[in-house]
Amino acid sequence: MIYLIRFVHGLITFLFLSCIGYIYYSGFANRIDIFTYIAVGMILFEMVVIVINKGNCPLGVIHSKLGDDKTFFELFLPKTVAKRAVPVLGAVAVLGIVLLFV
């Protein structure tokens, strides 16, 4: 079961990273379309959820309930770096959104 939640978490992470990438693509290509607005909306929604969870990914709770001792980013990064992954990605996303609409 732990591997399934890790896989699903990976897919969701890929989706949000793709949204961030599309926001930057839209900004650099100077092309804003419906997918840009969807990507921005999804990122803003995720940011609200993370703020509500005090800076933690809400899926981390599911990991711990299933007995997983690692957060998602700890699967790939050292623990000290993994703790900074969500805030850094949030800053990258906010910068992309700001640059997009400036």
N, C-alpha and C. Protein backbone atom coordinates (compact mmCIF):
# COMPACT_ATOMS: atom_id res chain seq x y z
N MET A 1 0.82 -1.20 0.00
CA MET A 1 0.00 0.00 0.00
C MET A 1 0.86 1.27 0.00
N ILE A 2 2.01 1.20 0.71
CA ILE A 2 2.89 2.36 0.76
C ILE A 2 3.39 2.70 -0.63
N TYR A 3 3.71 1.66 -1.41
CA TYR A 3 4.22 1.91 -2.76
C TYR A 3 3.15 2.53 -3.66
N LEU A 4 1.91 2.17 -3.43
CA LEU A 4 0.81 2.75 -4.22
C LEU A 4 0.66 4.24 -3.91
N ILE A 5 0.69 4.61 -2.62
CA ILE A 5 0.55 6.02 -2.27
C ILE A 5 1.75 6.81 -2.76
N ARG A 6 2.93 6.20 -2.73
CA ARG A 6 4.12 6.88 -3.27
C ARG A 6 3.96 7.10 -4.77
N PHE A 7 3.43 6.12 -5.47
CA PHE A 7 3.22 6.25 -6.91
C PHE A 7 2.21 7.34 -7.23
N VAL A 8 1.09 7.34 -6.51
CA VAL A 8 0.05 8.36 -6.72
C VAL A 8 0.61 9.74 -6.37
N HIS A 9 1.36 9.82 -5.27
CA HIS A 9 1.97 11.08 -4.88
C HIS A 9 2.94 11.56 -5.97
N GLY A 10 3.65 10.64 -6.56
CA GLY A 10 4.56 10.98 -7.66
C GLY A 10 3.81 11.53 -8.86
N LEU A 11 2.68 10.94 -9.19
CA LEU A 11 1.87 11.43 -10.31
C LEU A 11 1.34 12.84 -10.03
N ILE A 12 0.87 13.05 -8.81
CA ILE A 12 0.36 14.37 -8.44
C ILE A 12 1.49 15.40 -8.46
N THR A 13 2.65 15.03 -7.96
CA THR A 13 3.81 15.92 -7.99
C THR A 13 4.18 16.26 -9.43
N PHE A 14 4.17 15.26 -10.30
CA PHE A 14 4.48 15.49 -11.71
C PHE A 14 3.46 16.45 -12.33
N LEU A 15 2.21 16.31 -11.97
CA LEU A 15 1.17 17.20 -12.48
C LEU A 15 1.45 18.65 -12.08
N PHE A 16 1.77 18.86 -10.80
CA PHE A 16 2.02 20.23 -10.35
C PHE A 16 3.32 20.79 -10.92
N LEU A 17 4.35 19.96 -11.06
CA LEU A 17 5.58 20.42 -11.70
C LEU A 17 5.34 20.76 -13.16
N SER A 18 4.47 20.01 -13.81
CA SER A 18 4.10 20.32 -15.20
C SER A 18 3.36 21.65 -15.27
N CYS A 19 2.51 21.92 -14.29
CA CYS A 19 1.80 23.21 -14.24
C CYS A 19 2.80 24.36 -14.11
N ILE A 20 3.79 24.20 -13.23
CA ILE A 20 4.81 25.23 -13.07
C ILE A 20 5.57 25.42 -14.38
N GLY A 21 5.92 24.31 -15.01
CA GLY A 21 6.62 24.39 -16.29
C GLY A 21 5.79 25.09 -17.35
N TYR A 22 4.50 24.81 -17.39
CA TYR A 22 3.63 25.44 -18.39
C TYR A 22 3.48 26.93 -18.13
N ILE A 23 3.46 27.31 -16.87
CA ILE A 23 3.39 28.73 -16.53
C ILE A 23 4.62 29.46 -17.07
N TYR A 24 5.79 28.88 -16.87
CA TYR A 24 7.02 29.50 -17.39
C TYR A 24 7.02 29.49 -18.92
N TYR A 25 6.58 28.38 -19.50
CA TYR A 25 6.50 28.33 -20.97
C TYR A 25 5.60 29.44 -21.50
N SER A 26 4.44 29.60 -20.87
CA SER A 26 3.50 30.64 -21.31
C SER A 26 4.11 32.02 -21.20
N GLY A 27 4.85 32.24 -20.13
CA GLY A 27 5.48 33.54 -19.93
C GLY A 27 6.56 33.82 -20.97
N PHE A 28 7.42 32.83 -21.20
CA PHE A 28 8.51 33.04 -22.16
C PHE A 28 8.01 33.09 -23.60
N ALA A 29 6.95 32.34 -23.89
CA ALA A 29 6.39 32.34 -25.25
C ALA A 29 5.42 33.50 -25.46
N ASN A 30 5.15 34.24 -24.37
CA ASN A 30 4.18 35.34 -24.41
C ASN A 30 2.84 34.86 -24.98
N ARG A 31 2.41 33.72 -24.45
CA ARG A 31 1.18 33.09 -24.92
C ARG A 31 0.37 32.61 -23.72
N ILE A 32 -0.70 33.31 -23.44
CA ILE A 32 -1.57 32.92 -22.33
C ILE A 32 -2.84 32.34 -22.93
N ASP A 33 -3.14 31.10 -22.54
CA ASP A 33 -4.34 30.44 -23.03
C ASP A 33 -5.09 29.83 -21.85
N ILE A 34 -6.11 29.07 -22.14
CA ILE A 34 -6.93 28.47 -21.08
C ILE A 34 -6.10 27.53 -20.19
N PHE A 35 -5.12 26.84 -20.79
CA PHE A 35 -4.29 25.93 -20.01
C PHE A 35 -3.40 26.69 -19.03
N THR A 36 -3.02 27.89 -19.40
CA THR A 36 -2.24 28.73 -18.48
C THR A 36 -3.08 29.07 -17.26
N TYR A 37 -4.32 29.47 -17.49
CA TYR A 37 -5.20 29.80 -16.36
C TYR A 37 -5.50 28.57 -15.50
N ILE A 38 -5.65 27.42 -16.13
CA ILE A 38 -5.86 26.18 -15.37
C ILE A 38 -4.64 25.88 -14.52
N ALA A 39 -3.44 26.01 -15.12
CA ALA A 39 -2.20 25.74 -14.39
C ALA A 39 -2.05 26.69 -13.21
N VAL A 40 -2.31 27.97 -13.44
CA VAL A 40 -2.21 28.95 -12.35
C VAL A 40 -3.23 28.63 -11.26
N GLY A 41 -4.44 28.31 -11.64
CA GLY A 41 -5.47 27.97 -10.67
C GLY A 41 -5.10 26.75 -9.83
N MET A 42 -4.56 25.74 -10.49
CA MET A 42 -4.16 24.53 -9.76
C MET A 42 -3.02 24.82 -8.78
N ILE A 43 -2.07 25.63 -9.21
CA ILE A 43 -0.95 25.97 -8.33
C ILE A 43 -1.44 26.81 -7.15
N LEU A 44 -2.30 27.77 -7.41
CA LEU A 44 -2.82 28.60 -6.31
C LEU A 44 -3.64 27.76 -5.34
N PHE A 45 -4.42 26.82 -5.86
CA PHE A 45 -5.18 25.92 -4.98
C PHE A 45 -4.24 25.09 -4.12
N GLU A 46 -3.20 24.55 -4.72
CA GLU A 46 -2.23 23.74 -3.96
C GLU A 46 -1.53 24.58 -2.90
N MET A 47 -1.25 25.83 -3.22
CA MET A 47 -0.60 26.70 -2.24
C MET A 47 -1.52 26.95 -1.04
N VAL A 48 -2.80 27.15 -1.30
CA VAL A 48 -3.76 27.36 -0.21
C VAL A 48 -3.81 26.11 0.67
N VAL A 49 -3.85 24.94 0.05
CA VAL A 49 -3.90 23.69 0.81
C VAL A 49 -2.64 23.53 1.66
N ILE A 50 -1.50 23.87 1.10
CA ILE A 50 -0.24 23.75 1.85
C ILE A 50 -0.19 24.75 3.00
N VAL A 51 -0.68 25.95 2.77
CA VAL A 51 -0.72 26.95 3.85
C VAL A 51 -1.65 26.47 4.97
N ILE A 52 -2.80 25.92 4.60
CA ILE A 52 -3.72 25.39 5.61
C ILE A 52 -3.05 24.28 6.41
N ASN A 53 -2.20 23.49 5.76
CA ASN A 53 -1.49 22.39 6.43
C ASN A 53 -0.16 22.84 7.02
N LYS A 54 -0.01 24.13 7.24
CA LYS A 54 1.17 24.71 7.90
C LYS A 54 2.47 24.37 7.19
N GLY A 55 2.44 24.43 5.87
CA GLY A 55 3.65 24.23 5.07
C GLY A 55 3.94 22.80 4.70
N ASN A 56 3.07 21.90 5.08
CA ASN A 56 3.28 20.49 4.78
C ASN A 56 2.33 20.02 3.69
N CYS A 57 2.81 19.09 2.90
CA CYS A 57 1.96 18.49 1.88
C CYS A 57 0.88 17.65 2.57
N PRO A 58 -0.37 17.78 2.17
CA PRO A 58 -1.43 17.02 2.83
C PRO A 58 -1.31 15.51 2.64
N LEU A 59 -0.63 15.09 1.60
CA LEU A 59 -0.47 13.65 1.40
C LEU A 59 0.54 13.04 2.36
N GLY A 60 1.35 13.89 2.99
CA GLY A 60 2.30 13.40 3.99
C GLY A 60 1.61 12.72 5.16
N VAL A 61 0.42 13.21 5.50
CA VAL A 61 -0.36 12.61 6.58
C VAL A 61 -0.75 11.18 6.21
N ILE A 62 -1.12 11.00 4.96
CA ILE A 62 -1.48 9.65 4.50
C ILE A 62 -0.27 8.74 4.55
N HIS A 63 0.89 9.25 4.14
CA HIS A 63 2.13 8.46 4.22
C HIS A 63 2.36 7.97 5.64
N SER A 64 2.28 8.89 6.60
CA SER A 64 2.57 8.51 7.98
C SER A 64 1.52 7.56 8.55
N LYS A 65 0.25 7.74 8.17
CA LYS A 65 -0.79 6.83 8.66
C LYS A 65 -0.58 5.40 8.15
N LEU A 66 0.02 5.29 6.98
CA LEU A 66 0.28 3.96 6.43
C LEU A 66 1.61 3.38 6.92
N GLY A 67 2.29 4.13 7.78
CA GLY A 67 3.53 3.62 8.35
C GLY A 67 4.77 3.98 7.55
N ASP A 68 4.64 4.86 6.59
CA ASP A 68 5.79 5.28 5.80
C ASP A 68 6.58 6.29 6.62
N ASP A 69 7.86 6.03 6.82
CA ASP A 69 8.68 6.90 7.64
C ASP A 69 9.34 8.02 6.86
N LYS A 70 9.12 8.07 5.54
CA LYS A 70 9.73 9.10 4.71
C LYS A 70 8.66 9.94 4.03
N THR A 71 8.97 11.23 3.87
CA THR A 71 8.11 12.06 3.06
C THR A 71 8.44 11.78 1.59
N PHE A 72 7.64 12.29 0.69
CA PHE A 72 7.85 11.99 -0.73
C PHE A 72 9.22 12.45 -1.21
N PHE A 73 9.60 13.68 -0.88
CA PHE A 73 10.87 14.19 -1.38
C PHE A 73 12.07 13.54 -0.71
N GLU A 74 11.87 12.92 0.45
CA GLU A 74 12.96 12.19 1.10
C GLU A 74 13.32 10.92 0.34
N LEU A 75 12.47 10.50 -0.57
CA LEU A 75 12.79 9.33 -1.40
C LEU A 75 13.92 9.65 -2.37
N PHE A 76 14.10 10.95 -2.70
CA PHE A 76 15.07 11.36 -3.70
C PHE A 76 16.15 12.28 -3.16
N LEU A 77 15.84 12.98 -2.07
CA LEU A 77 16.73 14.01 -1.55
C LEU A 77 17.08 13.73 -0.10
N PRO A 78 18.23 14.25 0.36
CA PRO A 78 18.54 14.14 1.79
C PRO A 78 17.46 14.86 2.62
N LYS A 79 17.29 14.42 3.85
CA LYS A 79 16.19 14.93 4.69
C LYS A 79 16.23 16.45 4.84
N THR A 80 17.40 17.04 5.02
CA THR A 80 17.48 18.49 5.20
C THR A 80 17.06 19.24 3.94
N VAL A 81 17.41 18.70 2.78
CA VAL A 81 17.03 19.33 1.51
C VAL A 81 15.55 19.07 1.23
N ALA A 82 15.07 17.88 1.55
CA ALA A 82 13.67 17.52 1.29
C ALA A 82 12.71 18.43 2.05
N LYS A 83 13.09 18.86 3.25
CA LYS A 83 12.23 19.75 4.03
C LYS A 83 12.06 21.10 3.35
N ARG A 84 13.01 21.47 2.53
CA ARG A 84 12.96 22.76 1.84
C ARG A 84 12.32 22.67 0.46
N ALA A 85 12.01 21.48 -0.01
CA ALA A 85 11.51 21.30 -1.37
C ALA A 85 10.19 22.02 -1.60
N VAL A 86 9.25 21.87 -0.71
CA VAL A 86 7.92 22.48 -0.89
C VAL A 86 8.02 24.01 -0.87
N PRO A 87 8.71 24.62 0.11
CA PRO A 87 8.81 26.09 0.07
C PRO A 87 9.57 26.60 -1.17
N VAL A 88 10.60 25.90 -1.58
CA VAL A 88 11.35 26.33 -2.76
C VAL A 88 10.49 26.22 -4.01
N LEU A 89 9.79 25.12 -4.17
CA LEU A 89 8.91 24.97 -5.33
C LEU A 89 7.78 26.00 -5.31
N GLY A 90 7.31 26.32 -4.12
CA GLY A 90 6.29 27.36 -4.00
C GLY A 90 6.82 28.71 -4.44
N ALA A 91 8.06 29.02 -4.05
CA ALA A 91 8.66 30.29 -4.47
C ALA A 91 8.88 30.32 -5.97
N VAL A 92 9.31 29.20 -6.54
CA VAL A 92 9.51 29.12 -7.99
C VAL A 92 8.17 29.33 -8.71
N ALA A 93 7.11 28.74 -8.18
CA ALA A 93 5.79 28.88 -8.79
C ALA A 93 5.29 30.31 -8.69
N VAL A 94 5.44 30.94 -7.53
CA VAL A 94 5.00 32.33 -7.36
C VAL A 94 5.78 33.24 -8.29
N LEU A 95 7.08 33.03 -8.40
CA LEU A 95 7.89 33.84 -9.31
C LEU A 95 7.40 33.70 -10.75
N GLY A 96 7.09 32.47 -11.15
CA GLY A 96 6.57 32.23 -12.50
C GLY A 96 5.25 32.94 -12.75
N ILE A 97 4.37 32.89 -11.77
CA ILE A 97 3.06 33.55 -11.91
C ILE A 97 3.24 35.06 -11.98
N VAL A 98 4.10 35.60 -11.15
CA VAL A 98 4.35 37.04 -11.16
C VAL A 98 4.94 37.46 -12.51
N LEU A 99 5.94 36.73 -12.97
CA LEU A 99 6.55 37.06 -14.27
C LEU A 99 5.56 36.91 -15.42
N LEU A 100 4.67 35.96 -15.31
CA LEU A 100 3.68 35.73 -16.36
C LEU A 100 2.77 36.93 -16.54
N PHE A 101 2.32 37.51 -15.46
CA PHE A 101 1.33 38.57 -15.54
C PHE A 101 1.92 39.98 -15.46
N VAL A 102 3.26 40.08 -15.41
CA VAL A 102 3.90 41.41 -15.39
C VAL A 102 4.15 41.87 -16.81
